[in-house]
């Protein structure tokens, strides 16, 4: 199982890198905090200037993505959304394309 685990960890790291590069290139108003030991990334959406309710509506209603909002983890999480990148790359790319379309419509 060790070989499988190494391949999985490499794949998830690739997804993290892909997300970081995609955001930088296509969605400059949303940053990212790289995880230290998981497949859950923090999207830094504070630059969008949206209220808690508006940020959640933006992700659900505009981007079609149901993520965990940062405020559910405490006040320090305001303006952040938590995204799971432990998925097939095609799924991640589709989600990021949806986010890009919503961002461009702001």
C-alpha atoms as a PDB file:
ATOM      1  CA  UNK A   1       0.000   0.000   0.000  1.00  0.00           C
ATOM      2  CA  UNK A   2       2.975   2.342   0.374  1.00  0.00           C
ATOM      3  CA  UNK A   3       3.356   2.843  -3.392  1.00  0.00           C
ATOM      4  CA  UNK A   4      -0.361   3.647  -3.692  1.00  0.00           C
ATOM      5  CA  UNK A   5      -0.116   6.152  -0.843  1.00  0.00           C
ATOM      6  CA  UNK A   6       2.845   7.913  -2.441  1.00  0.00           C
ATOM      7  CA  UNK A   7       0.965   8.141  -5.753  1.00  0.00           C
ATOM      8  CA  UNK A   8      -2.097   9.515  -3.974  1.00  0.00           C
ATOM      9  CA  UNK A   9      -0.076  12.140  -2.108  1.00  0.00           C
ATOM     10  CA  UNK A  10       1.612  13.191  -5.359  1.00  0.00           C
ATOM     11  CA  UNK A  11      -1.774  13.462  -7.079  1.00  0.00           C
ATOM     12  CA  UNK A  12      -3.211  15.614  -4.286  1.00  0.00           C
ATOM     13  CA  UNK A  13      -0.108  17.827  -4.329  1.00  0.00           C
ATOM     14  CA  UNK A  14      -0.645  18.174  -8.076  1.00  0.00           C
ATOM     15  CA  UNK A  15      -4.237  19.259  -7.433  1.00  0.00           C
ATOM     16  CA  UNK A  16      -3.043  21.831  -4.902  1.00  0.00           C
ATOM     17  CA  UNK A  17      -0.484  23.170  -7.371  1.00  0.00           C
ATOM     18  CA  UNK A  18      -3.095  23.192 -10.150  1.00  0.00           C
ATOM     19  CA  UNK A  19      -5.517  25.169  -7.978  1.00  0.00           C
ATOM     20  CA  UNK A  20      -2.890  27.687  -6.935  1.00  0.00           C
ATOM     21  CA  UNK A  21      -1.805  28.271 -10.538  1.00  0.00           C
ATOM     22  CA  UNK A  22      -5.385  28.462 -11.817  1.00  0.00           C
ATOM     23  CA  UNK A  23      -6.351  31.048  -9.223  1.00  0.00           C
ATOM     24  CA  UNK A  24      -3.253  33.132  -9.907  1.00  0.00           C
ATOM     25  CA  UNK A  25      -3.860  33.072 -13.669  1.00  0.00           C
ATOM     26  CA  UNK A  26      -7.664  33.286 -13.889  1.00  0.00           C
ATOM     27  CA  UNK A  27      -9.094  34.508 -10.569  1.00  0.00           C
ATOM     28  CA  UNK A  28      -6.636  37.041  -9.113  1.00  0.00           C
ATOM     29  CA  UNK A  29      -9.168  38.326  -6.560  1.00  0.00           C
ATOM     30  CA  UNK A  30      -9.150  34.989  -4.713  1.00  0.00           C
ATOM     31  CA  UNK A  31      -5.989  33.769  -3.030  1.00  0.00           C
ATOM     32  CA  UNK A  32      -5.165  30.421  -1.506  1.00  0.00           C
ATOM     33  CA  UNK A  33      -3.514  29.072   1.613  1.00  0.00           C
ATOM     34  CA  UNK A  34      -1.710  25.808   0.924  1.00  0.00           C
ATOM     35  CA  UNK A  35      -2.544  23.023   3.376  1.00  0.00           C
ATOM     36  CA  UNK A  36       0.250  21.625   5.483  1.00  0.00           C
ATOM     37  CA  UNK A  37      -1.131  18.119   5.893  1.00  0.00           C
ATOM     38  CA  UNK A  38      -4.449  17.631   4.133  1.00  0.00           C
ATOM     39  CA  UNK A  39      -6.400  18.060   0.925  1.00  0.00           C
ATOM     40  CA  UNK A  40      -8.472  20.976   2.215  1.00  0.00           C
ATOM     41  CA  UNK A  41      -7.361  24.388   1.008  1.00  0.00           C
ATOM     42  CA  UNK A  42      -8.450  27.790   2.243  1.00  0.00           C
ATOM     43  CA  UNK A  43      -9.604  30.214  -0.432  1.00  0.00           C
ATOM     44  CA  UNK A  44      -8.917  33.782   0.670  1.00  0.00           C
ATOM     45  CA  UNK A  45     -11.857  35.767  -0.689  1.00  0.00           C
ATOM     46  CA  UNK A  46     -11.434  38.883   1.445  1.00  0.00           C
ATOM     47  CA  UNK A  47     -10.352  40.954  -1.547  1.00  0.00           C
ATOM     48  CA  UNK A  48     -13.841  40.486  -3.030  1.00  0.00           C
ATOM     49  CA  UNK A  49     -15.240  42.662  -0.226  1.00  0.00           C
ATOM     50  CA  UNK A  50     -18.379  40.559   0.191  1.00  0.00           C
ATOM     51  CA  UNK A  51     -20.309  40.107   3.415  1.00  0.00           C
ATOM     52  CA  UNK A  52     -20.593  36.630   4.909  1.00  0.00           C
ATOM     53  CA  UNK A  53     -24.037  36.140   3.394  1.00  0.00           C
ATOM     54  CA  UNK A  54     -23.019  37.564   0.000  1.00  0.00           C
ATOM     55  CA  UNK A  55     -19.904  35.366  -0.111  1.00  0.00           C
ATOM     56  CA  UNK A  56     -21.931  32.225   0.564  1.00  0.00           C
ATOM     57  CA  UNK A  57     -24.504  33.277  -2.049  1.00  0.00           C
ATOM     58  CA  UNK A  58     -21.711  33.964  -4.536  1.00  0.00           C
ATOM     59  CA  UNK A  59     -20.335  30.431  -4.176  1.00  0.00           C
ATOM     60  CA  UNK A  60     -23.689  28.627  -4.059  1.00  0.00           C
ATOM     61  CA  UNK A  61     -25.891  30.686  -6.365  1.00  0.00           C
ATOM     62  CA  UNK A  62     -23.353  32.079  -8.829  1.00  0.00           C
ATOM     63  CA  UNK A  63     -20.579  29.459  -8.930  1.00  0.00           C
ATOM     64  CA  UNK A  64     -22.725  26.427  -8.072  1.00  0.00           C
ATOM     65  CA  UNK A  65     -20.261  25.308  -5.389  1.00  0.00           C
ATOM     66  CA  UNK A  66     -21.188  24.324  -1.843  1.00  0.00           C
ATOM     67  CA  UNK A  67     -18.055  24.888   0.234  1.00  0.00           C
ATOM     68  CA  UNK A  68     -17.527  25.319   3.963  1.00  0.00           C
ATOM     69  CA  UNK A  69     -17.414  29.001   4.823  1.00  0.00           C
ATOM     70  CA  UNK A  70     -14.555  30.027   7.056  1.00  0.00           C
ATOM     71  CA  UNK A  71     -16.744  31.636   9.708  1.00  0.00           C
ATOM     72  CA  UNK A  72     -17.995  28.220  10.786  1.00  0.00           C
ATOM     73  CA  UNK A  73     -14.457  27.768  12.185  1.00  0.00           C
ATOM     74  CA  UNK A  74     -14.443  31.052  14.085  1.00  0.00           C
ATOM     75  CA  UNK A  75     -14.249  34.804  13.526  1.00  0.00           C
ATOM     76  CA  UNK A  76     -10.762  34.480  12.023  1.00  0.00           C
ATOM     77  CA  UNK A  77     -12.297  32.557   9.124  1.00  0.00           C
ATOM     78  CA  UNK A  78     -14.326  35.518   7.865  1.00  0.00           C
ATOM     79  CA  UNK A  79     -13.786  35.976   4.139  1.00  0.00           C
ATOM     80  CA  UNK A  80     -12.416  32.474   3.612  1.00  0.00           C
ATOM     81  CA  UNK A  81     -13.958  29.370   2.043  1.00  0.00           C
ATOM     82  CA  UNK A  82     -12.635  25.828   2.519  1.00  0.00           C
ATOM     83  CA  UNK A  83     -12.346  23.684  -0.605  1.00  0.00           C
ATOM     84  CA  UNK A  84     -11.678  19.955  -0.909  1.00  0.00           C
ATOM     85  CA  UNK A  85      -9.133  19.203  -3.659  1.00  0.00           C
ATOM     86  CA  UNK A  86      -8.967  15.451  -2.918  1.00  0.00           C
ATOM     87  CA  UNK A  87     -10.867  14.592  -6.088  1.00  0.00           C
ATOM     88  CA  UNK A  88     -10.254  13.778  -9.752  1.00  0.00           C
ATOM     89  CA  UNK A  89      -8.515  16.670 -11.539  1.00  0.00           C
ATOM     90  CA  UNK A  90     -11.371  16.933 -14.047  1.00  0.00           C
ATOM     91  CA  UNK A  91     -13.806  17.589 -11.174  1.00  0.00           C
ATOM     92  CA  UNK A  92     -11.499  20.199  -9.675  1.00  0.00           C
ATOM     93  CA  UNK A  93     -11.020  21.903 -13.045  1.00  0.00           C
ATOM     94  CA  UNK A  94     -14.801  22.066 -13.584  1.00  0.00           C
ATOM     95  CA  UNK A  95     -15.294  23.634 -10.148  1.00  0.00           C
ATOM     96  CA  UNK A  96     -12.591  26.212 -10.811  1.00  0.00           C
ATOM     97  CA  UNK A  97     -14.097  27.032 -14.215  1.00  0.00           C
ATOM     98  CA  UNK A  98     -17.452  27.620 -12.523  1.00  0.00           C
ATOM     99  CA  UNK A  99     -15.752  29.849  -9.956  1.00  0.00           C
ATOM    100  CA  UNK A 100     -13.987  31.774 -12.728  1.00  0.00           C
ATOM    101  CA  UNK A 101     -17.272  32.393 -14.570  1.00  0.00           C
ATOM    102  CA  UNK A 102     -18.908  33.655 -11.379  1.00  0.00           C
ATOM    103  CA  UNK A 103     -15.894  35.867 -10.620  1.00  0.00           C
ATOM    104  CA  UNK A 104     -15.960  37.391 -14.084  1.00  0.00           C
ATOM    105  CA  UNK A 105     -19.666  38.201 -13.646  1.00  0.00           C
ATOM    106  CA  UNK A 106     -19.074  40.157 -10.400  1.00  0.00           C
END
